């Protein structure tokens, strides 16, 4: 479960508000019916702050798989993992097919 007022969750929610005005950190992350750490209509988001690592290659497989298992079967919302390293740099990790689908859709508009 994420810490209350997690800065990474707030950062991701605020960035997503540009395209989804209802984006916000999940209420009672891990203890509610909302999946992931940031509620929005586009993605299922898991946030991980790695303040003691500069390398973004971190082990978040368990968190990713847990969120993936919780997602509805026929959803088009991809699972993404937001990580922040000790230098404050934020990275988004997602499956390549999801990324290319989003880019393709954006190019069509």
C-alpha atoms as a PDB file:
ATOM      1  CA  UNK A   1       0.000   0.000   0.000  1.00  0.00           C
ATOM      2  CA  UNK A   2       1.245   3.457  -0.805  1.00  0.00           C
ATOM      3  CA  UNK A   3       1.996   6.064   1.802  1.00  0.00           C
ATOM      4  CA  UNK A   4      -0.635   8.786   2.309  1.00  0.00           C
ATOM      5  CA  UNK A   5      -0.123  11.770  -0.036  1.00  0.00           C
ATOM      6  CA  UNK A   6       2.532   9.952  -2.015  1.00  0.00           C
ATOM      7  CA  UNK A   7       4.242  12.613  -4.143  1.00  0.00           C
ATOM      8  CA  UNK A   8       4.692  10.269  -7.112  1.00  0.00           C
ATOM      9  CA  UNK A   9       0.964   9.436  -7.113  1.00  0.00           C
ATOM     10  CA  UNK A  10       0.133  13.155  -6.982  1.00  0.00           C
ATOM     11  CA  UNK A  11       2.577  13.898  -9.822  1.00  0.00           C
ATOM     12  CA  UNK A  12       1.130  11.169 -12.070  1.00  0.00           C
ATOM     13  CA  UNK A  13      -2.471  12.169 -11.247  1.00  0.00           C
ATOM     14  CA  UNK A  14      -1.760  15.823 -12.049  1.00  0.00           C
ATOM     15  CA  UNK A  15      -0.106  14.928 -15.364  1.00  0.00           C
ATOM     16  CA  UNK A  16      -3.026  12.679 -16.308  1.00  0.00           C
ATOM     17  CA  UNK A  17      -5.472  15.513 -15.547  1.00  0.00           C
ATOM     18  CA  UNK A  18      -4.333  17.101 -18.821  1.00  0.00           C
ATOM     19  CA  UNK A  19      -6.206  14.349 -20.644  1.00  0.00           C
ATOM     20  CA  UNK A  20      -8.547  13.072 -17.904  1.00  0.00           C
ATOM     21  CA  UNK A  21      -9.896  15.809 -15.598  1.00  0.00           C
ATOM     22  CA  UNK A  22     -11.066  13.186 -13.069  1.00  0.00           C
ATOM     23  CA  UNK A  23      -7.611  11.654 -12.506  1.00  0.00           C
ATOM     24  CA  UNK A  24      -6.597  11.490  -8.833  1.00  0.00           C
ATOM     25  CA  UNK A  25      -4.671   9.325  -6.392  1.00  0.00           C
ATOM     26  CA  UNK A  26      -6.689   6.229  -5.520  1.00  0.00           C
ATOM     27  CA  UNK A  27      -8.647   6.469  -2.281  1.00  0.00           C
ATOM     28  CA  UNK A  28      -7.232   4.060   0.323  1.00  0.00           C
ATOM     29  CA  UNK A  29      -4.851   2.493  -2.193  1.00  0.00           C
ATOM     30  CA  UNK A  30      -4.764  -1.259  -1.687  1.00  0.00           C
ATOM     31  CA  UNK A  31      -7.811  -1.236   0.577  1.00  0.00           C
ATOM     32  CA  UNK A  32     -10.610  -0.199  -1.770  1.00  0.00           C
ATOM     33  CA  UNK A  33     -12.376  -1.357  -4.893  1.00  0.00           C
ATOM     34  CA  UNK A  34     -10.289   1.037  -7.031  1.00  0.00           C
ATOM     35  CA  UNK A  35      -7.349  -0.674  -8.703  1.00  0.00           C
ATOM     36  CA  UNK A  36      -3.806   0.658  -8.574  1.00  0.00           C
ATOM     37  CA  UNK A  37      -2.486   3.908  -7.118  1.00  0.00           C
ATOM     38  CA  UNK A  38      -3.969   6.536  -9.478  1.00  0.00           C
ATOM     39  CA  UNK A  39      -7.609   6.511 -10.582  1.00  0.00           C
ATOM     40  CA  UNK A  40      -8.233   7.583 -14.193  1.00  0.00           C
ATOM     41  CA  UNK A  41     -10.133   6.398 -17.257  1.00  0.00           C
ATOM     42  CA  UNK A  42      -7.080   5.573 -19.380  1.00  0.00           C
ATOM     43  CA  UNK A  43      -4.690   3.328 -17.448  1.00  0.00           C
ATOM     44  CA  UNK A  44      -4.293   1.149 -14.391  1.00  0.00           C
ATOM     45  CA  UNK A  45      -1.345   2.801 -12.610  1.00  0.00           C
ATOM     46  CA  UNK A  46       1.030   1.357 -10.010  1.00  0.00           C
ATOM     47  CA  UNK A  47       3.490   3.863  -8.471  1.00  0.00           C
ATOM     48  CA  UNK A  48       6.816   2.884  -6.939  1.00  0.00           C
ATOM     49  CA  UNK A  49       9.283   5.315  -5.416  1.00  0.00           C
ATOM     50  CA  UNK A  50      12.806   3.936  -5.311  1.00  0.00           C
ATOM     51  CA  UNK A  51      14.515   6.706  -3.403  1.00  0.00           C
ATOM     52  CA  UNK A  52      17.606   4.615  -2.709  1.00  0.00           C
ATOM     53  CA  UNK A  53      18.294   3.614  -6.332  1.00  0.00           C
ATOM     54  CA  UNK A  54      19.451   5.642  -9.293  1.00  0.00           C
ATOM     55  CA  UNK A  55      19.010   2.701 -11.655  1.00  0.00           C
ATOM     56  CA  UNK A  56      15.420   2.439 -12.897  1.00  0.00           C
ATOM     57  CA  UNK A  57      15.808  -1.286 -13.488  1.00  0.00           C
ATOM     58  CA  UNK A  58      14.006  -2.212 -10.297  1.00  0.00           C
ATOM     59  CA  UNK A  59      12.084  -5.278  -9.238  1.00  0.00           C
ATOM     60  CA  UNK A  60       8.415  -4.428  -9.465  1.00  0.00           C
ATOM     61  CA  UNK A  61       7.319  -7.634 -11.193  1.00  0.00           C
ATOM     62  CA  UNK A  62       5.162  -8.734  -8.264  1.00  0.00           C
ATOM     63  CA  UNK A  63       3.296  -5.424  -8.077  1.00  0.00           C
ATOM     64  CA  UNK A  64       2.809  -5.361 -11.852  1.00  0.00           C
ATOM     65  CA  UNK A  65       1.500  -8.923 -11.974  1.00  0.00           C
ATOM     66  CA  UNK A  66      -0.800  -8.337  -8.989  1.00  0.00           C
ATOM     67  CA  UNK A  67      -2.385  -5.304 -10.653  1.00  0.00           C
ATOM     68  CA  UNK A  68      -2.564  -7.127 -13.995  1.00  0.00           C
ATOM     69  CA  UNK A  69      -4.407 -10.025 -12.334  1.00  0.00           C
ATOM     70  CA  UNK A  70      -6.928  -7.609 -10.791  1.00  0.00           C
ATOM     71  CA  UNK A  71      -7.831  -5.871 -14.050  1.00  0.00           C
ATOM     72  CA  UNK A  72     -11.088  -6.804 -15.794  1.00  0.00           C
ATOM     73  CA  UNK A  73     -10.657  -9.484 -18.454  1.00  0.00           C
ATOM     74  CA  UNK A  74     -11.742  -7.509 -21.526  1.00  0.00           C
ATOM     75  CA  UNK A  75     -10.419  -4.081 -20.559  1.00  0.00           C
ATOM     76  CA  UNK A  76      -8.609  -1.859 -23.028  1.00  0.00           C
ATOM     77  CA  UNK A  77      -6.965   0.110 -20.190  1.00  0.00           C
ATOM     78  CA  UNK A  78      -3.291  -0.884 -20.025  1.00  0.00           C
ATOM     79  CA  UNK A  79      -1.365  -1.403 -16.816  1.00  0.00           C
ATOM     80  CA  UNK A  80       1.531   1.009 -16.340  1.00  0.00           C
ATOM     81  CA  UNK A  81       4.140   1.254 -13.607  1.00  0.00           C
ATOM     82  CA  UNK A  82       5.467   4.667 -12.606  1.00  0.00           C
ATOM     83  CA  UNK A  83       8.840   4.590 -10.859  1.00  0.00           C
ATOM     84  CA  UNK A  84      10.837   7.411  -9.319  1.00  0.00           C
ATOM     85  CA  UNK A  85      14.534   7.019  -8.625  1.00  0.00           C
ATOM     86  CA  UNK A  86      16.660   8.673  -5.936  1.00  0.00           C
ATOM     87  CA  UNK A  87      17.396  11.584  -8.291  1.00  0.00           C
ATOM     88  CA  UNK A  88      13.686  12.388  -8.608  1.00  0.00           C
ATOM     89  CA  UNK A  89      13.452  11.214 -12.225  1.00  0.00           C
ATOM     90  CA  UNK A  90      10.112   9.580 -13.069  1.00  0.00           C
ATOM     91  CA  UNK A  91       9.730   6.792 -15.623  1.00  0.00           C
ATOM     92  CA  UNK A  92       6.685   5.021 -17.035  1.00  0.00           C
ATOM     93  CA  UNK A  93       6.900   1.338 -17.943  1.00  0.00           C
ATOM     94  CA  UNK A  94       4.240  -0.397 -19.979  1.00  0.00           C
ATOM     95  CA  UNK A  95       3.914  -3.201 -22.493  1.00  0.00           C
ATOM     96  CA  UNK A  96       5.078  -2.172 -25.952  1.00  0.00           C
ATOM     97  CA  UNK A  97       1.828  -3.170 -27.676  1.00  0.00           C
ATOM     98  CA  UNK A  98      -0.129  -0.879 -25.341  1.00  0.00           C
ATOM     99  CA  UNK A  99       2.282   1.981 -26.005  1.00  0.00           C
ATOM    100  CA  UNK A 100       2.075   1.597 -29.787  1.00  0.00           C
ATOM    101  CA  UNK A 101      -1.737   1.332 -29.668  1.00  0.00           C
ATOM    102  CA  UNK A 102      -1.879   4.639 -27.771  1.00  0.00           C
ATOM    103  CA  UNK A 103       0.545   6.329 -30.166  1.00  0.00           C
ATOM    104  CA  UNK A 104      -1.338   5.032 -33.187  1.00  0.00           C
ATOM    105  CA  UNK A 105      -4.647   6.255 -31.761  1.00  0.00           C
ATOM    106  CA  UNK A 106      -3.150   9.683 -30.983  1.00  0.00           C
ATOM    107  CA  UNK A 107      -1.794   9.978 -34.529  1.00  0.00           C
ATOM    108  CA  UNK A 108      -5.243   9.214 -35.945  1.00  0.00           C
ATOM    109  CA  UNK A 109      -6.811  12.178 -34.113  1.00  0.00           C
END
